Amino acid sequence: MGKFKDYYEVLGIPYGAHARVIEEKYWEQAHELHQEPTKKAARRLSLINEAYETLGSPYKRAAYDRRRMQQAGHDGIGRRAGVLQSFVNLVGKAFRPD
């Protein structure tokens, strides 16, 4: 298994950022990189696309956050946060404004 990628760091957003913040940062960075026709920009664009694909989906994000917590060594906290997040995703879905 390769090095764990911190997608929050890739997009330059804090952990737990709102979905709108994730989308805004993604489009901001993607727009800047599209103007640079270099291989380095293409690799960076690929990485932010991967980060946005994961963090932009509530289900993929929840799974990613659980893996991230396990990698950081917060197994006990990660399990409780995972259960709470699953509950919020299940019950709170109808009440979210976004």
PDB file of N, CA and C in Angstrom:
ATOM      1  N   MET A   1       0.842  -1.176   0.000  1.00  0.00           N
ATOM      2  CA  MET A   1       0.000   0.000   0.000  1.00  0.00           C
ATOM      3  C   MET A   1       0.884   1.234   0.000  1.00  0.00           C
ATOM      4  N   GLY A   2       0.546   2.205  -0.833  1.00  0.00           N
ATOM      5  CA  GLY A   2       1.347   3.411  -0.973  1.00  0.00           C
ATOM      6  C   GLY A   2       1.109   4.409   0.140  1.00  0.00           C
ATOM      7  N   LYS A   3       1.715   5.543  -0.020  1.00  0.00           N
ATOM      8  CA  LYS A   3       1.583   6.618   0.962  1.00  0.00           C
ATOM      9  C   LYS A   3       0.148   7.135   0.968  1.00  0.00           C
ATOM     10  N   PHE A   4      -0.392   7.373   2.152  1.00  0.00           N
ATOM     11  CA  PHE A   4      -1.761   7.861   2.300  1.00  0.00           C
ATOM     12  C   PHE A   4      -1.829   9.327   1.880  1.00  0.00           C
ATOM     13  N   LYS A   5      -2.756   9.661   1.003  1.00  0.00           N
ATOM     14  CA  LYS A   5      -2.910  11.036   0.518  1.00  0.00           C
ATOM     15  C   LYS A   5      -3.945  11.765   1.371  1.00  0.00           C
ATOM     16  N   ASP A   6      -3.567  12.915   1.900  1.00  0.00           N
ATOM     17  CA  ASP A   6      -4.500  13.737   2.676  1.00  0.00           C
ATOM     18  C   ASP A   6      -5.206  14.683   1.721  1.00  0.00           C
ATOM     19  N   TYR A   7      -6.410  14.321   1.322  1.00  0.00           N
ATOM     20  CA  TYR A   7      -7.151  15.106   0.339  1.00  0.00           C
ATOM     21  C   TYR A   7      -7.559  16.476   0.868  1.00  0.00           C
ATOM     22  N   TYR A   8      -7.711  16.600   2.177  1.00  0.00           N
ATOM     23  CA  TYR A   8      -8.018  17.918   2.748  1.00  0.00           C
ATOM     24  C   TYR A   8      -6.836  18.864   2.524  1.00  0.00           C
ATOM     25  N   GLU A   9      -5.644  18.329   2.702  1.00  0.00           N
ATOM     26  CA  GLU A   9      -4.438  19.122   2.484  1.00  0.00           C
ATOM     27  C   GLU A   9      -4.266  19.448   0.996  1.00  0.00           C
ATOM     28  N   VAL A  10      -4.573  18.493   0.131  1.00  0.00           N
ATOM     29  CA  VAL A  10      -4.456  18.690  -1.313  1.00  0.00           C
ATOM     30  C   VAL A  10      -5.313  19.872  -1.762  1.00  0.00           C
ATOM     31  N   LEU A  11      -6.549  19.940  -1.251  1.00  0.00           N
ATOM     32  CA  LEU A  11      -7.450  21.027  -1.635  1.00  0.00           C
ATOM     33  C   LEU A  11      -7.243  22.285  -0.789  1.00  0.00           C
ATOM     34  N   GLY A  12      -6.495  22.168   0.298  1.00  0.00           N
ATOM     35  CA  GLY A  12      -6.241  23.329   1.149  1.00  0.00           C
ATOM     36  C   GLY A  12      -7.455  23.736   1.961  1.00  0.00           C
ATOM     37  N   ILE A  13      -8.165  22.741   2.481  1.00  0.00           N
ATOM     38  CA  ILE A  13      -9.367  23.006   3.271  1.00  0.00           C
ATOM     39  C   ILE A  13      -9.236  22.331   4.628  1.00  0.00           C
ATOM     40  N   PRO A  14      -9.971  22.813   5.632  1.00  0.00           N
ATOM     41  CA  PRO A  14      -9.916  22.170   6.949  1.00  0.00           C
ATOM     42  C   PRO A  14     -10.757  20.894   6.959  1.00  0.00           C
ATOM     43  N   TYR A  15     -10.419  19.978   7.858  1.00  0.00           N
ATOM     44  CA  TYR A  15     -11.203  18.761   8.036  1.00  0.00           C
ATOM     45  C   TYR A  15     -12.623  19.161   8.446  1.00  0.00           C
ATOM     46  N   GLY A  16     -13.602  18.533   7.863  1.00  0.00           N
ATOM     47  CA  GLY A  16     -14.989  18.822   8.212  1.00  0.00           C
ATOM     48  C   GLY A  16     -15.555  20.005   7.451  1.00  0.00           C
ATOM     49  N   ALA A  17     -14.871  20.456   6.412  1.00  0.00           N
ATOM     50  CA  ALA A  17     -15.360  21.597   5.629  1.00  0.00           C
ATOM     51  C   ALA A  17     -16.684  21.245   4.957  1.00  0.00           C
ATOM     52  N   HIS A  18     -17.512  22.239   4.792  1.00  0.00           N
ATOM     53  CA  HIS A  18     -18.810  22.073   4.147  1.00  0.00           C
ATOM     54  C   HIS A  18     -18.615  21.703   2.676  1.00  0.00           C
ATOM     55  N   ALA A  19     -19.571  21.012   2.117  1.00  0.00           N
ATOM     56  CA  ALA A  19     -19.505  20.565   0.719  1.00  0.00           C
ATOM     57  C   ALA A  19     -19.324  21.738  -0.245  1.00  0.00           C
ATOM     58  N   ARG A  20     -19.925  22.854   0.062  1.00  0.00           N
ATOM     59  CA  ARG A  20     -19.789  24.028  -0.818  1.00  0.00           C
ATOM     60  C   ARG A  20     -18.358  24.567  -0.819  1.00  0.00           C
ATOM     61  N   VAL A  21     -17.706  24.523   0.324  1.00  0.00           N
ATOM     62  CA  VAL A  21     -16.316  24.977   0.426  1.00  0.00           C
ATOM     63  C   VAL A  21     -15.416  24.055  -0.396  1.00  0.00           C
ATOM     64  N   ILE A  22     -15.667  22.760  -0.316  1.00  0.00           N
ATOM     65  CA  ILE A  22     -14.891  21.789  -1.094  1.00  0.00           C
ATOM     66  C   ILE A  22     -15.035  22.079  -2.575  1.00  0.00           C
ATOM     67  N   GLU A  23     -16.257  22.289  -3.012  1.00  0.00           N
ATOM     68  CA  GLU A  23     -16.507  22.553  -4.434  1.00  0.00           C
ATOM     69  C   GLU A  23     -15.863  23.858  -4.891  1.00  0.00           C
ATOM     70  N   GLU A  24     -15.976  24.901  -4.084  1.00  0.00           N
ATOM     71  CA  GLU A  24     -15.382  26.194  -4.450  1.00  0.00           C
ATOM     72  C   GLU A  24     -13.866  26.100  -4.578  1.00  0.00           C
ATOM     73  N   LYS A  25     -13.208  25.434  -3.620  1.00  0.00           N
ATOM     74  CA  LYS A  25     -11.747  25.292  -3.678  1.00  0.00           C
ATOM     75  C   LYS A  25     -11.321  24.455  -4.873  1.00  0.00           C
ATOM     76  N   TYR A  26     -12.082  23.402  -5.170  1.00  0.00           N
ATOM     77  CA  TYR A  26     -11.769  22.564  -6.321  1.00  0.00           C
ATOM     78  C   TYR A  26     -11.819  23.386  -7.607  1.00  0.00           C
ATOM     79  N   TRP A  27     -12.919  24.094  -7.819  1.00  0.00           N
ATOM     80  CA  TRP A  27     -13.061  24.863  -9.065  1.00  0.00           C
ATOM     81  C   TRP A  27     -12.034  25.982  -9.166  1.00  0.00           C
ATOM     82  N   GLU A  28     -11.712  26.596  -8.041  1.00  0.00           N
ATOM     83  CA  GLU A  28     -10.700  27.655  -8.020  1.00  0.00           C
ATOM     84  C   GLU A  28      -9.348  27.113  -8.480  1.00  0.00           C
ATOM     85  N   GLN A  29      -8.945  25.978  -7.899  1.00  0.00           N
ATOM     86  CA  GLN A  29      -7.653  25.390  -8.256  1.00  0.00           C
ATOM     87  C   GLN A  29      -7.659  24.813  -9.664  1.00  0.00           C
ATOM     88  N   ALA A  30      -8.759  24.186 -10.058  1.00  0.00           N
ATOM     89  CA  ALA A  30      -8.845  23.602 -11.402  1.00  0.00           C
ATOM     90  C   ALA A  30      -8.753  24.696 -12.464  1.00  0.00           C
ATOM     91  N   HIS A  31      -9.397  25.819 -12.221  1.00  0.00           N
ATOM     92  CA  HIS A  31      -9.357  26.929 -13.172  1.00  0.00           C
ATOM     93  C   HIS A  31      -7.929  27.456 -13.336  1.00  0.00           C
ATOM     94  N   GLU A  32      -7.219  27.599 -12.226  1.00  0.00           N
ATOM     95  CA  GLU A  32      -5.833  28.073 -12.282  1.00  0.00           C
ATOM     96  C   GLU A  32      -4.937  27.094 -13.040  1.00  0.00           C
ATOM     97  N   LEU A  33      -5.124  25.800 -12.793  1.00  0.00           N
ATOM     98  CA  LEU A  33      -4.261  24.790 -13.415  1.00  0.00           C
ATOM     99  C   LEU A  33      -4.560  24.590 -14.899  1.00  0.00           C
ATOM    100  N   HIS A  34      -5.782  24.854 -15.318  1.00  0.00           N
ATOM    101  CA  HIS A  34      -6.115  24.716 -16.741  1.00  0.00           C
ATOM    102  C   HIS A  34      -5.399  25.760 -17.590  1.00  0.00           C
ATOM    103  N   GLN A  35      -4.976  26.830 -16.966  1.00  0.00           N
ATOM    104  CA  GLN A  35      -4.287  27.890 -17.687  1.00  0.00           C
ATOM    105  C   GLN A  35      -2.791  27.611 -17.830  1.00  0.00           C
ATOM    106  N   GLU A  36      -2.290  26.563 -17.146  1.00  0.00           N
ATOM    107  CA  GLU A  36      -0.878  26.190 -17.171  1.00  0.00           C
ATOM    108  C   GLU A  36      -0.693  24.886 -17.936  1.00  0.00           C
ATOM    109  N   PRO A  37      -0.223  24.915 -19.156  1.00  0.00           N
ATOM    110  CA  PRO A  37      -0.080  23.668 -19.921  1.00  0.00           C
ATOM    111  C   PRO A  37       1.257  22.950 -19.662  1.00  0.00           C
ATOM    112  N   THR A  38       1.493  22.546 -18.418  1.00  0.00           N
ATOM    113  CA  THR A  38       2.733  21.829 -18.090  1.00  0.00           C
ATOM    114  C   THR A  38       2.384  20.450 -17.533  1.00  0.00           C
ATOM    115  N   LYS A  39       3.367  19.569 -17.529  1.00  0.00           N
ATOM    116  CA  LYS A  39       3.149  18.230 -16.987  1.00  0.00           C
ATOM    117  C   LYS A  39       2.906  18.286 -15.482  1.00  0.00           C
ATOM    118  N   LYS A  40       3.607  19.200 -14.811  1.00  0.00           N
ATOM    119  CA  LYS A  40       3.423  19.352 -13.366  1.00  0.00           C
ATOM    120  C   LYS A  40       1.984  19.790 -13.055  1.00  0.00           C
ATOM    121  N   ALA A  41       1.456  20.714 -13.840  1.00  0.00           N
ATOM    122  CA  ALA A  41       0.079  21.171 -13.651  1.00  0.00           C
ATOM    123  C   ALA A  41      -0.907  20.037 -13.930  1.00  0.00           C
ATOM    124  N   ALA A  42      -0.616  19.219 -14.924  1.00  0.00           N
ATOM    125  CA  ALA A  42      -1.491  18.088 -15.253  1.00  0.00           C
ATOM    126  C   ALA A  42      -1.521  17.074 -14.113  1.00  0.00           C
ATOM    127  N   ARG A  43      -0.358  16.800 -13.496  1.00  0.00           N
ATOM    128  CA  ARG A  43      -0.309  15.875 -12.357  1.00  0.00           C
ATOM    129  C   ARG A  43      -1.072  16.453 -11.170  1.00  0.00           C
ATOM    130  N   ARG A  44      -0.888  17.736 -10.934  1.00  0.00           N
ATOM    131  CA  ARG A  44      -1.594  18.398  -9.825  1.00  0.00           C
ATOM    132  C   ARG A  44      -3.100  18.393 -10.066  1.00  0.00           C
ATOM    133  N   LEU A  45      -3.514  18.640 -11.301  1.00  0.00           N
ATOM    134  CA  LEU A  45      -4.935  18.628 -11.640  1.00  0.00           C
ATOM    135  C   LEU A  45      -5.520  17.237 -11.427  1.00  0.00           C
ATOM    136  N   SER A  46      -4.764  16.224 -11.788  1.00  0.00           N
ATOM    137  CA  SER A  46      -5.203  14.845 -11.573  1.00  0.00           C
ATOM    138  C   SER A  46      -5.401  14.572 -10.086  1.00  0.00           C
ATOM    139  N   LEU A  47      -4.499  15.077  -9.261  1.00  0.00           N
ATOM    140  CA  LEU A  47      -4.582  14.875  -7.818  1.00  0.00           C
ATOM    141  C   LEU A  47      -5.780  15.618  -7.223  1.00  0.00           C
ATOM    142  N   ILE A  48      -6.018  16.854  -7.640  1.00  0.00           N
ATOM    143  CA  ILE A  48      -7.174  17.566  -7.078  1.00  0.00           C
ATOM    144  C   ILE A  48      -8.484  16.981  -7.599  1.00  0.00           C
ATOM    145  N   ASN A  49      -8.489  16.421  -8.804  1.00  0.00           N
ATOM    146  CA  ASN A  49      -9.678  15.721  -9.301  1.00  0.00           C
ATOM    147  C   ASN A  49      -9.984  14.511  -8.429  1.00  0.00           C
ATOM    148  N   GLU A  50      -8.937  13.770  -8.085  1.00  0.00           N
ATOM    149  CA  GLU A  50      -9.082  12.597  -7.219  1.00  0.00           C
ATOM    150  C   GLU A  50      -9.606  13.020  -5.843  1.00  0.00           C
ATOM    151  N   ALA A  51      -9.065  14.101  -5.306  1.00  0.00           N
ATOM    152  CA  ALA A  51      -9.497  14.596  -3.998  1.00  0.00           C
ATOM    153  C   ALA A  51     -10.953  15.038  -4.040  1.00  0.00           C
ATOM    154  N   TYR A  52     -11.334  15.750  -5.086  1.00  0.00           N
ATOM    155  CA  TYR A  52     -12.712  16.237  -5.200  1.00  0.00           C
ATOM    156  C   TYR A  52     -13.690  15.081  -5.402  1.00  0.00           C
ATOM    157  N   GLU A  53     -13.283  14.089  -6.184  1.00  0.00           N
ATOM    158  CA  GLU A  53     -14.155  12.929  -6.407  1.00  0.00           C
ATOM    159  C   GLU A  53     -14.442  12.219  -5.085  1.00  0.00           C
ATOM    160  N   THR A  54     -13.442  12.143  -4.215  1.00  0.00           N
ATOM    161  CA  THR A  54     -13.609  11.474  -2.932  1.00  0.00           C
ATOM    162  C   THR A  54     -14.361  12.333  -1.925  1.00  0.00           C
ATOM    163  N   LEU A  55     -13.945  13.588  -1.759  1.00  0.00           N
ATOM    164  CA  LEU A  55     -14.555  14.442  -0.740  1.00  0.00           C
ATOM    165  C   LEU A  55     -15.896  15.022  -1.180  1.00  0.00           C
ATOM    166  N   GLY A  56     -16.150  15.038  -2.478  1.00  0.00           N
ATOM    167  CA  GLY A  56     -17.402  15.591  -2.988  1.00  0.00           C
ATOM    168  C   GLY A  56     -18.588  14.665  -2.807  1.00  0.00           C
ATOM    169  N   SER A  57     -18.342  13.383  -2.603  1.00  0.00           N
ATOM    170  CA  SER A  57     -19.404  12.404  -2.381  1.00  0.00           C
ATOM    171  C   SER A  57     -19.512  12.114  -0.885  1.00  0.00           C
ATOM    172  N   PRO A  58     -20.697  12.265  -0.293  1.00  0.00           N
ATOM    173  CA  PRO A  58     -20.833  12.032   1.151  1.00  0.00           C
ATOM    174  C   PRO A  58     -20.432  10.613   1.569  1.00  0.00           C
ATOM    175  N   TYR A  59     -20.737   9.631   0.738  1.00  0.00           N
ATOM    176  CA  TYR A  59     -20.434   8.238   1.087  1.00  0.00           C
ATOM    177  C   TYR A  59     -18.938   7.959   0.975  1.00  0.00           C
ATOM    178  N   LYS A  60     -18.316   8.431  -0.106  1.00  0.00           N
ATOM    179  CA  LYS A  60     -16.878   8.238  -0.267  1.00  0.00           C
ATOM    180  C   LYS A  60     -16.116   9.019   0.796  1.00  0.00           C
ATOM    181  N   ARG A  61     -16.633  10.200   1.135  1.00  0.00           N
ATOM    182  CA  ARG A  61     -15.973  11.024   2.148  1.00  0.00           C
ATOM    183  C   ARG A  61     -16.006  10.352   3.513  1.00  0.00           C
ATOM    184  N   ALA A  62     -17.143   9.749   3.878  1.00  0.00           N
ATOM    185  CA  ALA A  62     -17.256   9.064   5.165  1.00  0.00           C
ATOM    186  C   ALA A  62     -16.266   7.904   5.236  1.00  0.00           C
ATOM    187  N   ALA A  63     -16.168   7.138   4.160  1.00  0.00           N
ATOM    188  CA  ALA A  63     -15.218   6.020   4.127  1.00  0.00           C
ATOM    189  C   ALA A  63     -13.780   6.534   4.186  1.00  0.00           C
ATOM    190  N   TYR A  64     -13.504   7.615   3.465  1.00  0.00           N
ATOM    191  CA  TYR A  64     -12.163   8.205   3.469  1.00  0.00           C
ATOM    192  C   TYR A  64     -11.806   8.712   4.869  1.00  0.00           C
ATOM    193  N   ASP A  65     -12.749   9.379   5.531  1.00  0.00           N
ATOM    194  CA  ASP A  65     -12.496   9.904   6.874  1.00  0.00           C
ATOM    195  C   ASP A  65     -12.190   8.784   7.862  1.00  0.00           C
ATOM    196  N   ARG A  66     -12.894   7.646   7.722  1.00  0.00           N
ATOM    197  CA  ARG A  66     -12.601   6.504   8.600  1.00  0.00           C
ATOM    198  C   ARG A  66     -11.176   5.997   8.364  1.00  0.00           C
ATOM    199  N   ARG A  67     -10.782   5.852   7.089  1.00  0.00           N
ATOM    200  CA  ARG A  67      -9.411   5.408   6.780  1.00  0.00           C
ATOM    201  C   ARG A  67      -8.389   6.420   7.274  1.00  0.00           C
ATOM    202  N   ARG A  68      -8.708   7.700   7.132  1.00  0.00           N
ATOM    203  CA  ARG A  68      -7.797   8.772   7.558  1.00  0.00           C
ATOM    204  C   ARG A  68      -7.570   8.714   9.069  1.00  0.00           C
ATOM    205  N   MET A  69      -8.650   8.489   9.816  1.00  0.00           N
ATOM    206  CA  MET A  69      -8.538   8.392  11.278  1.00  0.00           C
ATOM    207  C   MET A  69      -7.705   7.176  11.674  1.00  0.00           C
ATOM    208  N   GLN A  70      -7.900   6.062  10.984  1.00  0.00           N
ATOM    209  CA  GLN A  70      -7.132   4.859  11.289  1.00  0.00           C
ATOM    210  C   GLN A  70      -5.654   5.078  10.988  1.00  0.00           C
ATOM    211  N   GLN A  71      -5.352   5.750   9.894  1.00  0.00           N
ATOM    212  CA  GLN A  71      -3.956   6.030   9.536  1.00  0.00           C
ATOM    213  C   GLN A  71      -3.305   6.933  10.572  1.00  0.00           C
ATOM    214  N   ALA A  72      -4.071   7.860  11.117  1.00  0.00           N
ATOM    215  CA  ALA A  72      -3.523   8.802  12.093  1.00  0.00           C
ATOM    216  C   ALA A  72      -3.399   8.168  13.484  1.00  0.00           C
ATOM    217  N   GLY A  73      -3.986   6.970  13.667  1.00  0.00           N
ATOM    218  CA  GLY A  73      -3.880   6.294  14.954  1.00  0.00           C
ATOM    219  C   GLY A  73      -4.970   6.672  15.932  1.00  0.00           C
ATOM    220  N   HIS A  74      -6.058   7.218  15.436  1.00  0.00           N
ATOM    221  CA  HIS A  74      -7.171   7.606  16.290  1.00  0.00           C
ATOM    222  C   HIS A  74      -8.287   6.580  16.181  1.00  0.00           C
ATOM    223  N   ASP A  75      -7.958   5.329  16.360  1.00  0.00           N
ATOM    224  CA  ASP A  75      -8.937   4.268  16.143  1.00  0.00           C
ATOM    225  C   ASP A  75     -10.185   4.425  17.010  1.00  0.00           C
ATOM    226  N   GLY A  76     -10.029   4.692  18.298  1.00  0.00           N
ATOM    227  CA  GLY A  76     -11.188   4.831  19.173  1.00  0.00           C
ATOM    228  C   GLY A  76     -12.048   6.016  18.790  1.00  0.00           C
ATOM    229  N   ILE A  77     -11.426   7.139  18.551  1.00  0.00           N
ATOM    230  CA  ILE A  77     -12.162   8.345  18.165  1.00  0.00           C
ATOM    231  C   ILE A  77     -12.786   8.149  16.790  1.00  0.00           C
ATOM    232  N   GLY A  78     -12.032   7.543  15.885  1.00  0.00           N
ATOM    233  CA  GLY A  78     -12.524   7.331  14.527  1.00  0.00           C
ATOM    234  C   GLY A  78     -13.762   6.465  14.482  1.00  0.00           C
ATOM    235  N   ARG A  79     -13.807   5.430  15.330  1.00  0.00           N
ATOM    236  CA  ARG A  79     -14.974   4.560  15.347  1.00  0.00           C
ATOM    237  C   ARG A  79     -16.195   5.313  15.825  1.00  0.00           C
ATOM    238  N   ARG A  80     -16.043   6.069  16.911  1.00  0.00           N
ATOM    239  CA  ARG A  80     -17.182   6.836  17.420  1.00  0.00           C
ATOM    240  C   ARG A  80     -17.618   7.898  16.419  1.00  0.00           C
ATOM    241  N   ALA A  81     -16.663   8.588  15.826  1.00  0.00           N
ATOM    242  CA  ALA A  81     -16.995   9.611  14.838  1.00  0.00           C
ATOM    243  C   ALA A  81     -17.636   8.970  13.616  1.00  0.00           C
ATOM    244  N   GLY A  82     -17.178   7.767  13.240  1.00  0.00           N
ATOM    245  CA  GLY A  82     -17.751   7.071  12.096  1.00  0.00           C
ATOM    246  C   GLY A  82     -19.202   6.693  12.333  1.00  0.00           C
ATOM    247  N   VAL A  83     -19.513   6.216  13.543  1.00  0.00           N
ATOM    248  CA  VAL A  83     -20.882   5.850  13.884  1.00  0.00           C
ATOM    249  C   VAL A  83     -21.753   7.101  13.890  1.00  0.00           C
ATOM    250  N   LEU A  84     -21.263   8.163  14.499  1.00  0.00           N
ATOM    251  CA  LEU A  84     -22.019   9.409  14.541  1.00  0.00           C
ATOM    252  C   LEU A  84     -22.247   9.959  13.139  1.00  0.00           C
ATOM    253  N   GLN A  85     -21.211   9.940  12.318  1.00  0.00           N
ATOM    254  CA  GLN A  85     -21.338  10.448  10.948  1.00  0.00           C
ATOM    255  C   GLN A  85     -22.320   9.602  10.151  1.00  0.00           C
ATOM    256  N   SER A  86     -22.296   8.293  10.339  1.00  0.00           N
ATOM    257  CA  SER A  86     -23.243   7.411   9.652  1.00  0.00           C
ATOM    258  C   SER A  86     -24.673   7.737  10.064  1.00  0.00           C
ATOM    259  N   PHE A  87     -24.876   7.969  11.353  1.00  0.00           N
ATOM    260  CA  PHE A  87     -26.203   8.327  11.845  1.00  0.00           C
ATOM    261  C   PHE A  87     -26.667   9.651  11.247  1.00  0.00           C
ATOM    262  N   VAL A  88     -25.790  10.651  11.243  1.00  0.00           N
ATOM    263  CA  VAL A  88     -26.131  11.963  10.688  1.00  0.00           C
ATOM    264  C   VAL A  88     -26.433  11.837   9.196  1.00  0.00           C
ATOM    265  N   ASN A  89     -25.629  11.044   8.479  1.00  0.00           N
ATOM    266  CA  ASN A  89     -25.876  10.844   7.054  1.00  0.00           C
ATOM    267  C   ASN A  89     -27.230  10.203   6.808  1.00  0.00           C
ATOM    268  N   LEU A  90     -27.594   9.245   7.655  1.00  0.00           N
ATOM    269  CA  LEU A  90     -28.834   8.510   7.476  1.00  0.00           C
ATOM    270  C   LEU A  90     -30.048   9.344   7.858  1.00  0.00           C
ATOM    271  N   VAL A  91     -30.014   9.948   9.036  1.00  0.00           N
ATOM    272  CA  VAL A  91     -31.161  10.669   9.564  1.00  0.00           C
ATOM    273  C   VAL A  91     -31.206  12.120   9.085  1.00  0.00           C
ATOM    274  N   GLY A  92     -30.064  12.758   9.048  1.00  0.00           N
ATOM    275  CA  GLY A  92     -30.035  14.186   8.762  1.00  0.00           C
ATOM    276  C   GLY A  92     -30.127  14.539   7.290  1.00  0.00           C
ATOM    277  N   LYS A  93     -30.127  13.562   6.413  1.00  0.00           N
ATOM    278  CA  LYS A  93     -30.132  13.815   4.986  1.00  0.00           C
ATOM    279  C   LYS A  93     -31.327  14.669   4.551  1.00  0.00           C
ATOM    280  N   ALA A  94     -32.499  14.389   5.094  1.00  0.00           N
ATOM    281  CA  ALA A  94     -33.700  15.121   4.697  1.00  0.00           C
ATOM    282  C   ALA A  94     -33.706  16.555   5.221  1.00  0.00           C
ATOM    283  N   PHE A  95     -32.899  16.847   6.230  1.00  0.00           N
ATOM    284  CA  PHE A  95     -32.933  18.151   6.853  1.00  0.00           C
ATOM    285  C   PHE A  95     -31.803  19.083   6.404  1.00  0.00           C
ATOM    286  N   ARG A  96     -30.894  18.588   5.579  1.00  0.00           N
ATOM    287  CA  ARG A  96     -29.761  19.418   5.126  1.00  0.00           C
ATOM    288  C   ARG A  96     -30.215  20.449   4.109  1.00  0.00           C
ATOM    289  N   PRO A  97     -29.697  21.692   4.227  1.00  0.00           N
ATOM    290  CA  PRO A  97     -30.057  22.725   3.260  1.00  0.00           C
ATOM    291  C   PRO A  97     -29.317  22.594   1.933  1.00  0.00           C
ATOM    292  N   ASP A  98     -28.225  21.819   1.875  1.00  0.00           N
ATOM    293  CA  ASP A  98     -27.451  21.729   0.628  1.00  0.00           C
ATOM    294  C   ASP A  98     -27.874  20.576  -0.151  1.00  0.00           C
TER     295      ASP A  98
END
